[in-house]
Protein backbone atom coordinates (compact mmCIF):
# COMPACT_ATOMS: atom_id res chain seq x y z
CA UNK A 1 86.13 112.16 85.27
CA UNK A 2 86.93 114.03 82.13
CA UNK A 3 83.97 112.43 80.36
CA UNK A 4 80.39 112.60 81.37
CA UNK A 5 77.94 110.03 80.04
CA UNK A 6 74.63 108.96 81.43
CA UNK A 7 76.29 105.89 82.95
CA UNK A 8 79.14 107.82 84.62
CA UNK A 9 76.68 110.42 85.94
CA UNK A 10 74.49 107.64 87.45
CA UNK A 11 77.49 105.89 88.92
CA UNK A 12 78.75 109.15 90.39
CA UNK A 13 75.28 109.76 92.06
CA UNK A 14 75.32 106.24 93.50
CA UNK A 15 78.90 106.78 94.75
CA UNK A 16 77.97 110.04 96.45
CA UNK A 17 74.96 108.46 98.12
CA UNK A 18 77.09 105.53 99.33
CA UNK A 19 79.70 107.89 100.75
CA UNK A 20 76.99 109.86 102.58
CA UNK A 21 75.61 106.69 104.20
CA UNK A 22 78.99 105.62 105.65
CA UNK A 23 79.11 108.01 108.65
CA UNK A 24 75.60 107.03 109.70
CA UNK A 25 76.37 103.36 109.58
CA UNK A 26 79.66 103.95 111.46
CA UNK A 27 77.85 105.79 114.27
CA UNK A 28 75.53 102.81 114.73
CA UNK A 29 78.57 100.57 115.04
CA UNK A 30 80.17 103.02 117.47
CA UNK A 31 77.15 102.85 119.84
CA UNK A 32 78.51 99.57 121.21
CA UNK A 33 80.97 101.53 123.40
CA UNK A 34 78.10 103.35 125.24
CA UNK A 35 76.57 102.43 128.58
CA UNK A 36 73.32 101.46 126.89
CA UNK A 37 74.17 99.53 123.70
CA UNK A 38 71.46 98.73 121.12
CA UNK A 39 70.41 95.18 120.36
CA UNK A 40 72.82 92.78 118.66
CA UNK A 41 70.60 92.46 115.63
CA UNK A 42 71.15 96.16 114.88
CA UNK A 43 74.93 95.58 114.99
CA UNK A 44 74.62 92.64 112.56
CA UNK A 45 72.57 94.72 110.16
CA UNK A 46 74.87 97.72 110.49
CA UNK A 47 77.96 95.58 109.94
CA UNK A 48 76.56 93.99 106.81
CA UNK A 49 75.35 97.39 105.57
CA UNK A 50 78.82 98.86 106.08
CA UNK A 51 80.47 96.07 104.13
CA UNK A 52 77.92 96.39 101.30
CA UNK A 53 78.38 100.10 101.21
CA UNK A 54 82.16 99.90 101.04
CA UNK A 55 81.90 97.16 98.46
CA UNK A 56 79.74 99.38 96.23
CA UNK A 57 82.09 102.36 96.67
CA UNK A 58 85.14 100.33 95.78
CA UNK A 59 83.34 98.68 92.82
CA UNK A 60 82.42 102.06 91.33
CA UNK A 61 85.95 103.28 91.79
CA UNK A 62 87.10 100.26 89.80
CA UNK A 63 84.62 101.02 87.04
CA UNK A 64 85.77 104.66 86.90
CA UNK A 65 89.44 103.55 86.75
CA UNK A 66 88.65 101.11 83.98
CA UNK A 67 86.81 103.85 82.09
CA UNK A 68 89.88 106.08 82.30
CA UNK A 69 92.00 103.21 80.82
CA UNK A 70 89.89 103.11 77.66
CA UNK A 71 92.37 103.45 74.84
CA UNK A 72 89.82 104.66 72.28
CA UNK A 73 88.94 107.77 74.26
CA UNK A 74 92.53 108.84 74.83
CA UNK A 75 91.86 110.16 78.33
CA UNK A 76 95.27 109.28 79.63
CA UNK A 77 98.64 108.71 77.98
CA UNK A 78 99.07 105.25 76.42
CA UNK A 79 101.83 104.42 78.83
CA UNK A 80 99.37 104.65 81.76
CA UNK A 81 96.65 102.39 80.47
CA UNK A 82 98.30 99.13 81.60
CA UNK A 83 98.80 100.56 85.10
CA UNK A 84 95.19 101.79 85.26
CA UNK A 85 93.89 98.37 84.20
CA UNK A 86 95.94 96.72 86.93
CA UNK A 87 94.58 99.22 89.48
CA UNK A 88 91.04 98.49 88.26
CA UNK A 89 91.59 94.78 88.82
CA UNK A 90 92.76 95.56 92.37
CA UNK A 91 89.64 97.67 92.96
CA UNK A 92 87.46 94.83 91.70
CA UNK A 93 89.16 92.23 93.91
CA UNK A 94 88.90 94.50 96.95
CA UNK A 95 85.25 95.09 96.19
CA UNK A 96 84.67 91.36 96.01
CA UNK A 97 86.28 90.98 99.44
CA UNK A 98 83.99 93.63 100.94
CA UNK A 99 80.88 92.18 99.28
CA UNK A 100 81.69 88.62 100.30
CA UNK A 101 82.35 89.70 103.89
CA UNK A 102 78.81 91.23 104.02
CA UNK A 103 77.27 87.76 103.62
CA UNK A 104 76.10 86.49 107.03
CA UNK A 105 77.85 83.11 106.92
CA UNK A 106 77.01 82.08 110.43
CA UNK A 107 73.56 83.59 110.65
CA UNK A 108 71.82 84.65 113.82
CA UNK A 109 72.40 81.29 115.58
CA UNK A 110 76.06 82.21 116.19
CA UNK A 111 75.40 85.78 117.32
CA UNK A 112 76.69 87.12 120.59
CA UNK A 113 73.20 87.04 122.12
CA UNK A 114 72.99 83.29 121.96
CA UNK A 115 76.35 82.56 123.75
C-alpha cells in the first residue's frame, strides 16, 4: 500500500496473522489421512476456522483494493478506479461466501461420528 494510516497498519497486521494461521489449520485438516486420525470435533473446528480465516483474508484484501480506488488520494490513474471498485466488490462477495460457509448449518447432530 502506498499509504500508511493507523487503520491500514492494523489491517495489515491482522492480515499477516491470518496468513500465518492458515498452514497450522491446514495441517490439522491433513491429519485425516493418517493411520490415527484425531476426533471429528477437531475437524469441524478446524474446518470452520479455516473458512473464517480465509474470509478475513479476502475481506481485508477487498478493503485494501477499495482504499486504492479512492479518487481523492490519487493512488492510481483515474482510468483504473472503476476496475478496482469492481475487484473490491468481487473480494467482498468472495469473503461473504467464505464467512457464510464457516457457519455450522447442520451442527454436531449431522457429523460423521453419529452416522
